Amino acid sequence: MAPIALDAGLSPESVQSLKTRVKTVDPVLFPDGLKTSGQHPPLYDQIRPYSAFPKHIEGPTVWRPEDYSNNPERWVHQFSAAEIEEISRAADNFITSGLPITGITKENFSLPSLESNLAAMRRELLNGKGFMLFRKGVPVSEWGNFKSAVAYFGLGVHIGYPISQNRNGHILGHVQSLNVDGTKIDSVRIYKTTARQDFHADECDIVGLLCLARAEFGGESDVASIHHVWNILQVERPDIAELLTQPVWYFDRKGETSDGEEPYIRGAVFYLETPDPANPEREQRVYCKWDPYYVRSLQRFSDAGIIPPLSAAQEEAITLLEATCERVKLHMILEVGDIQFVANSHTLHARTAYTDYAPGSGMPRRHLMRLWLSVPQGEGGWRLPYWDADEKKRGGIQVDDTAPVARLEGD
């Protein structure tokens, strides 16, 4: 089945120019020698029509909450004392080196006894259920925020390449309320608020969260198998499933753009992987790229007639996709020191609204450190219809040559 016929999109020369640009790196700005490629529209000639999609998905990526809710041993890993000691020693050695956190790599943060387990966990994230939890993975109260950040980042580089998460180059992000106006959805990122986050995927292959402090109420996590959701849509609303495969959805970039880039991206919600050149018979899996917050914040462009407004069918699709995820979600609560990793290819995740402890209570406000991790297709990542699919730091948010930073608090 041929791809959908659309506008030509990027020419081979444009793609090569982008690849050259992302590989042109100033080591003073990018200590690990790698630059985040950033947000880009898909390659429209690689988008497949709905008729090419499977009508039913089977395998480990399809799961129900009851498969795991009463079986924590299937998705929760408890570090042994020896493993914690190895992580602690690697963190101490790195801190002694005097290098910035942004310079952490697998080579200078060696975890020899954990390496094979972390590789297996990465495969499970990418090709299995798509989530895991390290229970009390970091003793944050003992180590403090700086050593905890080094240890967490060091674990992260064994799972993927850390990439920039916003216009400021935050390669170590912070999910905490910054008392910003959450109603300004065209400019404010929702992770800086206490509001509920609907089911979504981040601009990376795997997202990690380290809990430093819990809220007084709420702020709990939900994960849903998007392949289970897909199967439900095939039975109940195939018309909605088809609409979600069409590249008629616009996603806001909230001003996080490099010079010359458009302020929004047009794409689909569901994609098929691109063919594997080495194995043309290999399955092309269903991939989801979705965040309703970025779809609903575009009224300034539709009011001006620059892009079409959401249709009634699209509004229904947004509501139905959220409701279906709610039906099949696995609920989890992160305790202080827990580390959660979630794949963005075949799961969606959400967060309940929360209330921080009152000022003067002596309790810290909710605070999670966040990693966005890239896994290029040449290293086991999904084969995606984007020009940067083979780049080590594919995806993320990169504004011009903004250098990566790893602060200990959000800003």
Protein backbone atom coordinates (compact mmCIF):
# COMPACT_ATOMS: atom_id res chain seq x y z
CA MET A 1 0.00 0.00 0.00
CA ALA A 2 1.47 3.35 -1.05
CA PRO A 3 1.83 6.22 1.40
CA ILE A 4 -0.77 8.98 1.42
CA ALA A 5 -0.23 11.53 -1.36
CA LEU A 6 0.31 14.93 0.20
CA ASP A 7 2.47 17.96 -0.38
CA ALA A 8 6.06 17.08 -1.15
CA GLY A 9 7.35 18.21 2.23
CA LEU A 10 11.11 18.26 2.71
CA SER A 11 13.35 17.71 -0.28
CA PRO A 12 16.38 15.39 0.02
CA GLU A 13 18.57 18.51 -0.03
CA SER A 14 16.62 20.05 2.87
CA VAL A 15 16.89 16.83 4.87
CA GLN A 16 20.63 16.71 4.30
CA SER A 17 20.95 20.34 5.38
CA LEU A 18 19.08 19.58 8.61
CA LYS A 19 21.26 16.55 9.29
CA THR A 20 24.40 18.61 8.73
CA ARG A 21 23.14 21.34 11.03
CA VAL A 22 22.37 19.00 13.92
CA LYS A 23 25.82 17.42 13.60
CA THR A 24 27.57 20.80 13.63
CA VAL A 25 28.22 21.01 17.34
CA ASP A 26 30.29 23.40 19.46
CA PRO A 27 31.75 21.18 22.24
CA VAL A 28 31.86 24.20 24.54
CA LEU A 29 28.05 24.42 24.33
CA PHE A 30 27.35 20.70 24.05
CA PRO A 31 29.75 18.83 26.38
CA ASP A 32 28.77 15.34 25.21
CA GLY A 33 29.23 16.35 21.57
CA LEU A 34 25.57 15.84 20.67
CA LYS A 35 22.77 18.31 19.94
CA THR A 36 19.04 17.72 20.23
CA SER A 37 17.45 17.69 16.76
CA GLY A 38 14.18 19.25 17.96
CA GLN A 39 10.57 19.27 16.75
CA HIS A 40 9.81 18.81 13.05
CA PRO A 41 6.88 17.89 10.85
CA PRO A 42 6.74 14.28 9.67
CA LEU A 43 7.90 13.20 6.25
CA TYR A 44 4.50 13.31 4.62
CA ASP A 45 5.42 10.83 1.91
CA GLN A 46 6.04 8.26 4.66
CA ILE A 47 2.57 8.55 6.23
CA ARG A 48 0.51 5.45 5.55
CA PRO A 49 -3.24 5.38 4.85
CA TYR A 50 -5.67 3.92 7.35
CA SER A 51 -6.19 0.87 5.14
CA ALA A 52 -2.57 -0.17 5.84
CA PHE A 53 -3.07 -0.19 9.62
CA PRO A 54 -3.79 -3.41 11.51
CA LYS A 55 -7.36 -3.98 12.62
CA HIS A 56 -6.17 -5.76 15.76
CA ILE A 57 -2.85 -5.71 17.64
CA GLU A 58 -1.53 -8.55 19.76
CA GLY A 59 1.58 -9.04 21.87
CA PRO A 60 3.23 -7.60 24.99
CA THR A 61 2.45 -3.99 24.06
CA VAL A 62 -1.25 -4.75 24.54
CA TRP A 63 -2.08 -4.92 28.23
CA ARG A 64 -4.89 -4.29 30.67
CA PRO A 65 -4.53 -2.61 34.07
CA GLU A 66 -5.48 -5.82 35.88
CA ASP A 67 -2.42 -7.49 34.32
CA TYR A 68 -0.21 -5.34 36.55
CA SER A 69 -2.22 -3.69 39.32
CA ASN A 70 -1.95 -6.74 41.59
CA ASN A 71 1.40 -7.95 40.24
CA PRO A 72 4.01 -5.30 41.13
CA GLU A 73 6.82 -7.81 40.62
CA ARG A 74 6.10 -7.55 36.88
CA TRP A 75 6.88 -3.84 36.66
CA VAL A 76 8.55 -2.65 39.88
CA HIS A 77 12.30 -3.09 40.39
CA GLN A 78 13.89 -2.71 43.82
CA PHE A 79 17.60 -1.91 43.71
CA SER A 80 19.72 -4.10 45.95
CA ALA A 81 22.14 -2.59 48.46
CA ALA A 82 25.01 -3.53 46.13
CA GLU A 83 23.32 -1.80 43.17
CA ILE A 84 22.70 1.36 45.19
CA GLU A 85 26.34 1.31 46.24
CA GLU A 86 27.47 1.00 42.61
CA ILE A 87 25.26 3.94 41.59
CA SER A 88 26.53 5.97 44.56
CA ARG A 89 30.15 5.26 43.70
CA ALA A 90 29.63 6.22 40.04
CA ALA A 91 27.94 9.46 41.11
CA ASP A 92 30.73 10.32 43.55
CA ASN A 93 33.39 9.64 40.92
CA PHE A 94 31.62 11.85 38.41
CA ILE A 95 31.19 14.69 40.91
CA THR A 96 34.91 14.49 41.70
CA SER A 97 35.70 14.92 37.98
CA GLY A 98 34.27 18.45 38.06
CA LEU A 99 32.36 17.96 34.79
CA PRO A 100 28.84 19.41 34.43
CA ILE A 101 25.85 17.10 34.65
CA THR A 102 25.25 17.74 30.95
CA GLY A 103 28.53 15.92 30.26
CA ILE A 104 27.46 12.58 31.78
CA THR A 105 27.79 9.66 29.36
CA LYS A 106 27.75 5.86 29.62
CA GLU A 107 31.55 5.97 29.37
CA ASN A 108 32.12 8.27 32.35
CA PHE A 109 29.24 6.88 34.43
CA SER A 110 30.04 3.19 34.39
CA LEU A 111 27.59 0.72 35.97
CA PRO A 112 29.15 -2.65 35.12
CA SER A 113 26.96 -4.90 37.25
CA LEU A 114 23.75 -3.06 36.28
CA GLU A 115 24.48 -2.68 32.58
CA SER A 116 22.86 -5.90 31.35
CA ASN A 117 19.77 -5.36 33.51
CA LEU A 118 19.36 -1.79 32.29
CA ALA A 119 19.70 -2.96 28.67
CA ALA A 120 16.96 -5.55 29.26
CA MET A 121 14.76 -2.92 30.88
CA ARG A 122 15.25 -0.63 27.90
CA ARG A 123 14.13 -3.41 25.56
CA GLU A 124 11.05 -3.95 27.72
CA LEU A 125 10.27 -0.23 27.61
CA LEU A 126 10.63 -0.07 23.83
CA ASN A 127 9.14 -3.42 22.80
CA GLY A 128 7.11 -4.61 25.79
CA LYS A 129 4.63 -3.05 28.18
CA GLY A 130 6.34 0.36 27.91
CA PHE A 131 6.68 1.35 31.57
CA MET A 132 8.57 0.47 34.74
CA LEU A 133 9.19 1.79 38.22
CA PHE A 134 12.38 1.73 40.28
CA ARG A 135 11.05 1.67 43.83
CA LYS A 136 13.16 3.92 46.08
CA GLY A 137 15.65 4.06 43.23
CA VAL A 138 17.52 7.00 44.73
CA PRO A 139 17.86 7.75 48.48
CA VAL A 140 17.23 11.46 47.90
CA SER A 141 16.99 12.46 51.56
CA GLU A 142 20.44 10.99 52.18
CA TRP A 143 22.13 12.11 48.98
CA GLY A 144 20.54 15.54 48.52
CA ASN A 145 19.33 17.01 45.23
CA PHE A 146 22.71 17.40 43.53
CA LYS A 147 24.01 13.86 43.99
CA SER A 148 20.50 12.51 43.33
CA ALA A 149 20.42 14.44 40.04
CA VAL A 150 23.83 13.07 39.02
CA ALA A 151 22.79 9.50 39.90
CA TYR A 152 19.45 9.81 38.10
CA PHE A 153 21.02 11.33 35.00
CA GLY A 154 23.68 8.61 35.08
CA LEU A 155 21.01 5.89 35.11
CA GLY A 156 19.24 7.69 32.30
CA VAL A 157 22.19 7.63 29.89
CA HIS A 158 22.18 3.83 30.10
CA ILE A 159 18.62 3.86 28.76
CA GLY A 160 18.82 6.63 26.16
CA TYR A 161 20.38 9.95 25.17
CA PRO A 162 19.10 12.88 27.29
CA ILE A 163 17.60 15.61 25.12
CA SER A 164 16.47 19.21 25.60
CA GLN A 165 12.94 19.65 26.95
CA ASN A 166 12.23 23.33 26.33
CA ARG A 167 13.44 26.56 24.77
CA ASN A 168 15.88 27.08 27.65
CA GLY A 169 17.79 23.88 26.92
CA HIS A 170 16.72 22.10 30.11
CA ILE A 171 18.18 18.64 29.69
CA LEU A 172 17.33 17.92 33.31
CA GLY A 173 13.74 19.11 33.66
CA HIS A 174 11.65 19.91 36.70
CA VAL A 175 7.96 19.17 37.08
CA GLN A 176 6.77 21.60 39.75
CA SER A 177 4.35 24.47 40.10
CA LEU A 178 5.96 27.80 39.29
CA ASN A 179 2.81 29.81 40.03
CA VAL A 180 2.27 30.66 36.37
CA ASP A 181 -1.12 31.38 34.81
CA GLY A 182 -2.30 28.01 33.53
CA THR A 183 -5.09 29.62 31.50
CA LYS A 184 -2.52 31.04 29.06
CA ILE A 185 -2.39 27.78 27.18
CA ASP A 186 -0.78 29.31 24.08
CA SER A 187 2.43 30.06 25.97
CA VAL A 188 2.52 28.17 29.29
CA ARG A 189 3.72 24.56 29.50
CA ILE A 190 1.30 22.63 31.72
CA TYR A 191 4.03 20.86 33.73
CA LYS A 192 4.68 24.23 35.39
CA THR A 193 1.16 24.23 36.85
CA THR A 194 -0.85 22.12 39.30
CA ALA A 195 -3.50 21.32 36.68
CA ARG A 196 -4.44 17.86 35.50
CA GLN A 197 -2.48 16.64 32.51
CA ASP A 198 -4.64 14.61 30.15
CA PHE A 199 -3.24 11.52 28.47
CA HIS A 200 -0.36 12.49 26.23
CA ALA A 201 3.08 11.54 24.92
CA ASP A 202 6.19 13.67 25.32
CA GLU A 203 8.58 14.71 22.55
CA CYS A 204 10.97 11.84 23.19
CA ASP A 205 11.20 8.06 23.09
CA ILE A 206 11.23 7.51 26.85
CA VAL A 207 10.37 9.91 29.68
CA GLY A 208 11.76 9.49 33.17
CA LEU A 209 10.55 11.00 36.46
CA LEU A 210 12.39 11.00 39.80
CA CYS A 211 10.19 11.97 42.74
CA LEU A 212 11.93 14.38 45.12
CA ALA A 213 8.80 15.54 46.97
CA ARG A 214 5.12 14.64 46.85
CA ALA A 215 2.15 16.98 46.84
CA GLU A 216 -0.19 17.15 49.81
CA PHE A 217 -3.02 15.91 47.59
CA GLY A 218 -3.02 14.46 44.06
CA GLY A 219 -0.28 14.56 41.44
CA GLU A 220 -0.63 10.83 40.81
CA SER A 221 0.25 8.98 37.63
CA ASP A 222 -1.73 7.00 35.05
CA VAL A 223 -0.45 4.98 32.09
CA ALA A 224 -2.45 3.42 29.25
CA SER A 225 -1.52 0.96 26.50
CA ILE A 226 -2.24 2.80 23.28
CA HIS A 227 -2.34 -0.53 21.44
CA HIS A 228 -5.17 -1.63 23.72
CA VAL A 229 -6.87 1.69 23.02
CA TRP A 230 -6.38 1.12 19.28
CA ASN A 231 -8.05 -2.29 19.49
CA ILE A 232 -11.04 -0.77 21.31
CA LEU A 233 -11.39 1.95 18.68
CA GLN A 234 -11.31 -0.65 15.92
CA VAL A 235 -14.31 -2.39 17.47
CA GLU A 236 -16.29 0.59 18.71
CA ARG A 237 -15.34 3.61 16.55
CA PRO A 238 -13.24 2.78 13.49
CA ASP A 239 -14.27 6.12 12.00
CA ILE A 240 -12.48 7.91 14.86
CA ALA A 241 -9.45 5.65 14.47
CA GLU A 242 -9.28 6.56 10.78
CA LEU A 243 -9.49 10.28 11.53
CA LEU A 244 -6.61 9.93 13.98
CA THR A 245 -4.39 8.45 11.24
CA GLN A 246 -4.89 11.42 8.94
CA PRO A 247 -2.35 14.30 8.94
CA VAL A 248 -5.00 16.93 9.59
CA TRP A 249 -4.02 17.70 13.18
CA TYR A 250 -2.12 20.85 14.11
CA PHE A 251 0.14 20.95 17.17
CA ASP A 252 1.20 24.19 18.80
CA ARG A 253 4.89 24.86 19.45
CA LYS A 254 4.13 27.59 22.02
CA GLY A 255 6.88 29.84 20.68
CA GLU A 256 9.62 27.24 21.16
CA THR A 257 10.92 27.58 17.61
CA SER A 258 14.25 28.14 15.91
CA ASP A 259 14.71 30.91 13.39
CA GLY A 260 12.64 30.31 10.26
CA GLU A 261 10.45 27.54 11.69
CA GLU A 262 6.65 27.56 11.68
CA PRO A 263 4.88 28.07 15.01
CA TYR A 264 2.91 24.82 14.65
CA ILE A 265 3.30 21.36 13.15
CA ARG A 266 0.79 19.48 11.03
CA GLY A 267 0.71 15.73 11.48
CA ALA A 268 -1.33 12.68 12.43
CA VAL A 269 -1.96 11.14 15.85
CA PHE A 270 -1.41 7.51 14.84
CA TYR A 271 1.37 6.50 12.46
CA LEU A 272 2.81 3.26 11.17
CA GLU A 273 6.51 2.63 11.55
CA THR A 274 8.50 2.97 8.36
CA PRO A 275 9.71 -0.23 6.65
CA ASP A 276 12.92 -1.84 7.87
CA PRO A 277 15.34 -1.74 4.90
CA ALA A 278 17.21 -4.76 6.27
CA ASN A 279 14.01 -6.78 6.75
CA PRO A 280 11.09 -5.65 4.55
CA GLU A 281 8.83 -8.29 6.13
CA ARG A 282 9.29 -6.88 9.62
CA GLU A 283 6.13 -5.62 11.34
CA GLN A 284 5.34 -1.92 11.05
CA ARG A 285 3.95 -1.09 14.48
CA VAL A 286 1.33 1.52 15.35
CA TYR A 287 2.94 4.60 16.87
CA CYS A 288 1.11 7.39 18.72
CA LYS A 289 2.10 11.05 18.96
CA TRP A 290 -0.45 12.99 20.96
CA ASP A 291 -0.91 15.86 23.37
CA PRO A 292 -4.36 17.48 23.48
CA TYR A 293 -2.98 20.51 25.31
CA TYR A 294 -0.99 21.42 22.18
CA VAL A 295 -3.98 20.87 19.89
CA ARG A 296 -6.39 23.02 21.89
CA SER A 297 -4.03 26.01 22.23
CA LEU A 298 -4.07 27.02 18.55
CA GLN A 299 -7.13 29.28 18.50
CA ARG A 300 -4.99 32.35 17.81
CA PHE A 301 -4.06 30.81 14.45
CA SER A 302 -7.49 29.44 13.53
CA ASP A 303 -9.15 32.76 14.44
CA ALA A 304 -6.77 34.46 12.03
CA GLY A 305 -7.63 31.98 9.27
CA ILE A 306 -4.08 30.61 9.16
CA ILE A 307 -5.08 27.03 10.02
CA PRO A 308 -8.52 25.40 10.12
CA PRO A 309 -10.32 25.21 13.46
CA LEU A 310 -10.97 21.83 15.02
CA SER A 311 -13.93 20.15 13.34
CA ALA A 312 -16.80 18.61 15.30
CA ALA A 313 -15.39 15.18 14.42
CA GLN A 314 -11.96 16.17 15.77
CA GLU A 315 -13.49 17.47 18.99
CA GLU A 316 -15.28 14.15 19.40
CA ALA A 317 -12.07 12.25 18.68
CA ILE A 318 -10.19 14.19 21.37
CA THR A 319 -12.89 13.43 23.93
CA LEU A 320 -13.15 9.77 22.95
CA LEU A 321 -9.40 9.16 22.99
CA GLU A 322 -9.15 10.57 26.52
CA ALA A 323 -12.17 8.59 27.71
CA THR A 324 -10.82 5.35 26.24
CA CYS A 325 -7.46 5.84 27.94
CA GLU A 326 -9.34 6.41 31.19
CA ARG A 327 -11.07 3.05 30.75
CA VAL A 328 -7.81 1.10 30.49
CA LYS A 329 -5.40 3.09 32.69
CA LEU A 330 -3.01 1.70 35.27
CA HIS A 331 -2.84 4.02 38.28
CA MET A 332 0.37 4.44 40.24
CA ILE A 333 1.65 6.68 43.02
CA LEU A 334 5.29 7.79 43.05
CA GLU A 335 6.87 7.91 46.48
CA VAL A 336 9.94 10.00 47.30
CA GLY A 337 12.96 8.36 45.66
CA ASP A 338 10.93 6.43 43.07
CA ILE A 339 11.95 6.59 39.41
CA GLN A 340 9.37 5.99 36.69
CA PHE A 341 10.23 5.39 33.03
CA VAL A 342 7.51 5.40 30.35
CA ALA A 343 7.78 4.85 26.59
CA ASN A 344 6.14 7.47 24.39
CA SER A 345 5.78 5.23 21.34
CA HIS A 346 2.97 2.93 22.45
CA THR A 347 1.74 4.26 25.80
CA LEU A 348 0.14 7.53 26.88
CA HIS A 349 0.46 8.89 30.39
CA ALA A 350 -1.49 11.37 32.50
CA ARG A 351 -1.29 13.16 35.85
CA THR A 352 -4.03 14.06 38.27
CA ALA A 353 -4.35 17.67 39.46
CA TYR A 354 -2.64 18.37 42.74
CA THR A 355 -2.41 20.70 45.72
CA ASP A 356 0.93 21.56 47.28
CA TYR A 357 1.44 21.91 51.00
CA ALA A 358 0.66 25.40 52.24
CA PRO A 359 3.53 27.88 52.59
CA GLY A 360 4.76 27.86 56.16
CA SER A 361 3.83 24.20 56.67
CA GLY A 362 7.48 23.19 56.63
CA MET A 363 6.78 20.76 53.79
CA PRO A 364 8.32 21.09 50.32
CA ARG A 365 6.17 21.58 47.24
CA ARG A 366 5.77 18.70 44.79
CA HIS A 367 8.95 18.28 42.76
CA LEU A 368 9.91 15.69 40.16
CA MET A 369 13.10 15.70 38.10
CA ARG A 370 12.40 14.77 34.49
CA LEU A 371 14.49 13.23 31.73
CA TRP A 372 13.56 13.03 28.07
CA LEU A 373 15.52 10.20 26.50
CA SER A 374 16.10 9.45 22.83
CA VAL A 375 16.70 5.99 21.36
CA PRO A 376 17.54 6.26 17.63
CA GLN A 377 16.26 3.58 15.32
CA GLY A 378 19.79 2.32 14.67
CA GLU A 379 20.09 1.50 18.38
CA GLY A 380 16.76 -0.24 18.85
CA GLY A 381 14.36 2.71 18.70
CA TRP A 382 11.15 2.77 16.70
CA ARG A 383 11.36 3.49 12.98
CA LEU A 384 9.62 6.84 12.75
CA PRO A 385 8.60 8.91 9.68
CA TYR A 386 10.85 11.84 10.58
CA TRP A 387 14.10 13.00 9.03
CA ASP A 388 15.93 12.67 12.36
CA ALA A 389 14.92 9.03 13.03
CA ASP A 390 18.58 7.96 13.00
CA GLU A 391 19.94 10.90 15.00
CA LYS A 392 21.20 10.01 18.47
CA LYS A 393 19.34 12.91 20.08
CA ARG A 394 16.22 12.83 17.94
CA GLY A 395 13.13 14.73 19.00
CA GLY A 396 12.99 17.02 22.00
CA ILE A 397 12.84 20.81 21.80
CA GLN A 398 15.88 22.66 20.49
CA VAL A 399 15.80 26.40 19.83
CA ASP A 400 18.71 27.44 17.59
CA ASP A 401 21.97 26.66 19.42
CA THR A 402 20.66 27.01 22.98
CA ALA A 403 23.09 25.09 25.16
CA PRO A 404 21.86 22.26 27.39
CA VAL A 405 21.60 23.08 31.09
CA ALA A 406 20.95 20.93 34.17
CA ARG A 407 19.69 23.06 37.03
CA LEU A 408 18.47 21.72 40.37
CA GLU A 409 15.22 23.73 40.36
CA GLY A 410 12.71 24.68 37.68
CA ASP A 411 12.57 28.12 36.12
